[in-house]
Amino acid sequence: MSRFLTSIGILTVLIVICILSLLLLKSECGNYRNGIAETAAAISVGDTEAALAAYDRLDADWKHFEDVTGIFTDGSKLDAVRIHMAVLRPLIESGSTEAAAELECVRRLVASIYEEELPYFWHIL
């Protein structure tokens, strides 16, 4: 009987850890997407200074975002986000129209980090 209770306890702890990790991942991705939205809003109105300031905040938050999400996700997903972020600053500075498209790509990549961790049946297989 004690083995059964121990097994149930271990399973319960694992389930709680999984749920808490999903909540933490959702929070981190949501916070980073808010920064992306702020940058996109500044780009859409043509305010280069505000867009650069928002980008700098995103860049400063990157290390924390990478540390937390890197615990739960594959590093290649984070590398793709970082590659697109590195290209973004020169595009914002030059006032290029591609900056908004690149930022949208970053937003989608960040959203996919959380979505791919959701426990759907086809994700488990």
Protein backbone atom coordinates (compact mmCIF):
# COMPACT_ATOMS: atom_id res chain seq x y z
CA MET A 1 0.00 0.00 0.00
CA SER A 2 2.86 2.38 0.76
CA ARG A 3 4.28 1.87 -2.75
CA PHE A 4 0.93 2.78 -4.22
CA LEU A 5 0.69 5.96 -2.15
CA THR A 6 4.27 6.88 -3.00
CA SER A 7 3.53 6.40 -6.70
CA ILE A 8 0.41 8.55 -6.47
CA GLY A 9 2.41 11.20 -4.61
CA ILE A 10 5.12 11.24 -7.27
CA LEU A 11 2.56 11.47 -10.07
CA THR A 12 0.78 14.30 -8.29
CA VAL A 13 4.01 16.24 -7.84
CA LEU A 14 4.89 15.75 -11.52
CA ILE A 15 1.47 16.97 -12.64
CA VAL A 16 1.72 20.05 -10.40
CA ILE A 17 5.21 20.83 -11.74
CA CYS A 18 3.94 20.51 -15.33
CA ILE A 19 1.03 22.84 -14.68
CA LEU A 20 3.22 25.40 -12.90
CA SER A 21 5.78 25.28 -15.70
CA LEU A 22 3.07 25.96 -18.29
CA LEU A 23 1.78 28.89 -16.27
CA LEU A 24 5.28 30.32 -15.92
CA LEU A 25 5.99 29.84 -19.62
CA LYS A 26 2.69 31.51 -20.52
CA SER A 27 3.52 34.46 -18.29
CA GLU A 28 7.02 34.93 -19.69
CA CYS A 29 5.89 34.65 -23.30
CA GLY A 30 3.01 37.04 -22.60
CA ASN A 31 5.32 39.61 -21.05
CA TYR A 32 7.71 39.40 -23.99
CA ARG A 33 4.84 39.66 -26.49
CA ASN A 34 3.67 42.81 -24.69
CA GLY A 35 7.08 44.34 -25.33
CA ILE A 36 6.87 43.27 -28.95
CA ALA A 37 3.43 44.87 -29.23
CA GLU A 38 4.78 48.09 -27.74
CA THR A 39 7.60 48.12 -30.29
CA ALA A 40 5.19 47.35 -33.12
CA ALA A 41 2.88 50.20 -32.07
CA ALA A 42 5.79 52.64 -32.14
CA ILE A 43 6.87 51.38 -35.55
CA SER A 44 3.33 51.64 -36.95
CA VAL A 45 3.07 55.34 -36.03
CA GLY A 46 6.58 56.01 -37.32
CA ASP A 47 8.09 56.99 -33.98
CA THR A 48 11.65 55.74 -34.39
CA GLU A 49 12.84 56.95 -30.97
CA ALA A 50 10.03 55.18 -29.12
CA ALA A 51 10.53 52.05 -31.24
CA LEU A 52 14.24 51.99 -30.41
CA ALA A 53 13.51 52.53 -26.72
CA ALA A 54 11.00 49.67 -26.75
CA TYR A 55 13.47 47.49 -28.64
CA ASP A 56 16.16 48.27 -26.06
CA ARG A 57 13.79 47.14 -23.30
CA LEU A 58 13.14 43.92 -25.24
CA ASP A 59 16.85 43.40 -25.68
CA ALA A 60 17.46 44.01 -21.97
CA ASP A 61 14.69 41.52 -21.06
CA TRP A 62 16.09 38.88 -23.42
CA LYS A 63 18.48 37.28 -20.94
CA HIS A 64 15.72 36.75 -18.36
CA PHE A 65 13.32 35.48 -21.03
CA GLU A 66 15.92 33.09 -22.41
CA ASP A 67 16.89 31.80 -18.96
CA VAL A 68 13.32 31.05 -17.90
CA THR A 69 11.95 29.69 -21.17
CA GLY A 70 15.16 27.78 -21.87
CA ILE A 71 14.37 25.53 -18.93
CA PHE A 72 11.21 24.29 -20.63
CA THR A 73 11.89 24.58 -24.37
CA ASP A 74 14.41 23.58 -26.98
CA GLY A 75 17.23 26.09 -27.42
CA SER A 76 16.84 26.15 -31.21
CA LYS A 77 13.45 27.85 -30.81
CA LEU A 78 15.08 30.59 -28.75
CA ASP A 79 17.95 30.88 -31.23
CA ALA A 80 15.47 31.60 -34.01
CA VAL A 81 13.93 34.41 -31.96
CA ARG A 82 17.36 35.87 -31.19
CA ILE A 83 18.39 35.81 -34.87
CA HIS A 84 15.30 37.79 -35.85
CA MET A 85 15.81 40.20 -32.96
CA ALA A 86 19.41 40.90 -34.04
CA VAL A 87 18.24 42.01 -37.49
CA LEU A 88 15.50 44.22 -36.07
CA ARG A 89 17.51 47.13 -34.63
CA PRO A 90 19.13 48.21 -37.93
CA LEU A 91 15.74 47.98 -39.63
CA ILE A 92 14.17 50.25 -37.02
CA GLU A 93 17.04 52.73 -37.22
CA SER A 94 16.77 52.97 -41.00
CA GLY A 95 12.99 53.33 -40.88
CA SER A 96 12.58 50.30 -43.13
CA THR A 97 9.13 48.94 -43.81
CA GLU A 98 10.52 45.46 -43.21
CA ALA A 99 10.84 46.20 -39.48
CA ALA A 100 7.14 45.57 -38.90
CA ALA A 101 7.26 42.28 -40.78
CA GLU A 102 10.34 41.15 -38.89
CA LEU A 103 8.71 42.07 -35.59
CA GLU A 104 5.61 40.09 -36.56
CA CYS A 105 7.86 37.11 -37.22
CA VAL A 106 9.37 37.49 -33.74
CA ARG A 107 5.88 37.72 -32.22
CA ARG A 108 4.82 34.50 -33.93
CA LEU A 109 7.97 32.69 -32.85
CA VAL A 110 7.44 33.71 -29.23
CA ALA A 111 3.78 32.67 -29.39
CA SER A 112 4.77 29.30 -30.84
CA ILE A 113 7.15 28.66 -27.92
CA TYR A 114 4.20 28.50 -25.53
CA GLU A 115 1.77 26.84 -27.95
CA GLU A 116 4.14 23.97 -28.69
CA GLU A 117 4.42 23.13 -25.01
CA LEU A 118 0.68 22.73 -24.48
CA PRO A 119 -0.19 19.10 -23.74
CA TYR A 120 -2.29 18.33 -26.80
CA PHE A 121 -2.48 14.72 -27.80
CA TRP A 122 -0.41 15.23 -30.99
CA HIS A 123 2.27 17.08 -29.00
CA ILE A 124 2.62 14.12 -26.67
CA LEU A 125 3.16 11.67 -29.52
